[in-house]
């Protein structure tokens, strides 16, 4: 989805970006440095990408961190 028309959201706004999620975690594992507390997984890439690849739908657990 591109454009700034009325009622449209940019691709960045609709995509789950893990570092902005309350469930995102950095792990101790060098092979899988990213984790998701909601899914209970550790991966080499952001967990939302793994979820999208496995299920074909964007992450349903994404919850934006509150701004400081």
Protein backbone atom coordinates (compact mmCIF):
# COMPACT_ATOMS: atom_id res chain seq x y z
CA UNK A 1 0.00 0.00 0.00
CA UNK A 2 1.51 3.25 -1.07
CA UNK A 3 0.32 6.79 -1.12
CA UNK A 4 -0.95 9.32 1.30
CA UNK A 5 -4.61 9.26 0.33
CA UNK A 6 -7.41 9.54 2.82
CA UNK A 7 -7.84 6.32 4.78
CA UNK A 8 -4.59 4.81 3.53
CA UNK A 9 -1.72 3.83 5.77
CA UNK A 10 1.88 3.44 4.70
CA UNK A 11 3.55 0.02 4.56
CA UNK A 12 5.67 0.99 7.59
CA UNK A 13 2.56 1.73 9.68
CA UNK A 14 0.89 -1.62 8.96
CA UNK A 15 3.96 -3.82 9.33
CA UNK A 16 4.90 -5.24 12.74
CA UNK A 17 8.38 -3.86 13.48
CA UNK A 18 9.71 -5.98 16.34
CA UNK A 19 11.97 -3.40 18.05
CA UNK A 20 8.87 -1.24 18.55
CA UNK A 21 6.90 -4.09 20.16
CA UNK A 22 6.48 -4.73 23.90
CA UNK A 23 7.13 -8.47 23.36
CA UNK A 24 10.48 -8.03 21.59
CA UNK A 25 13.64 -9.16 23.38
CA UNK A 26 17.36 -9.41 22.66
CA UNK A 27 18.68 -12.85 23.64
CA UNK A 28 22.08 -14.11 24.74
CA UNK A 29 22.20 -16.59 21.84
CA UNK A 30 24.54 -15.47 19.02
CA UNK A 31 22.83 -17.79 16.54
CA UNK A 32 19.38 -16.43 17.42
CA UNK A 33 19.81 -12.95 18.91
CA UNK A 34 16.16 -11.83 18.59
CA UNK A 35 13.26 -13.15 20.62
CA UNK A 36 9.54 -12.76 21.08
CA UNK A 37 8.04 -13.24 24.54
CA UNK A 38 4.52 -13.64 23.11
CA UNK A 39 5.48 -16.44 20.69
CA UNK A 40 8.20 -17.88 22.93
CA UNK A 41 10.74 -18.04 20.10
CA UNK A 42 14.30 -16.97 19.36
CA UNK A 43 15.37 -16.35 15.77
CA UNK A 44 18.24 -15.01 13.67
CA UNK A 45 15.92 -12.43 12.11
CA UNK A 46 13.16 -10.34 13.66
CA UNK A 47 10.44 -12.72 14.88
CA UNK A 48 7.72 -10.95 12.86
CA UNK A 49 9.50 -12.00 9.67
CA UNK A 50 9.55 -15.63 10.82
CA UNK A 51 5.84 -15.45 11.66
CA UNK A 52 5.03 -13.97 8.26
CA UNK A 53 7.11 -16.62 6.45
CA UNK A 54 5.52 -19.48 8.41
CA UNK A 55 1.88 -18.37 8.46
CA UNK A 56 1.56 -15.94 5.58
CA UNK A 57 -0.05 -13.31 7.81
CA UNK A 58 1.52 -10.44 9.79
CA UNK A 59 2.17 -10.94 13.51
CA UNK A 60 -1.08 -10.78 15.46
CA UNK A 61 0.66 -10.20 18.82
CA UNK A 62 2.32 -6.91 17.84
CA UNK A 63 1.68 -4.22 20.45
CA UNK A 64 3.49 -0.92 20.12
CA UNK A 65 5.68 0.16 23.04
CA UNK A 66 4.49 3.29 24.81
CA UNK A 67 6.50 6.38 23.90
CA UNK A 68 8.61 7.97 26.59
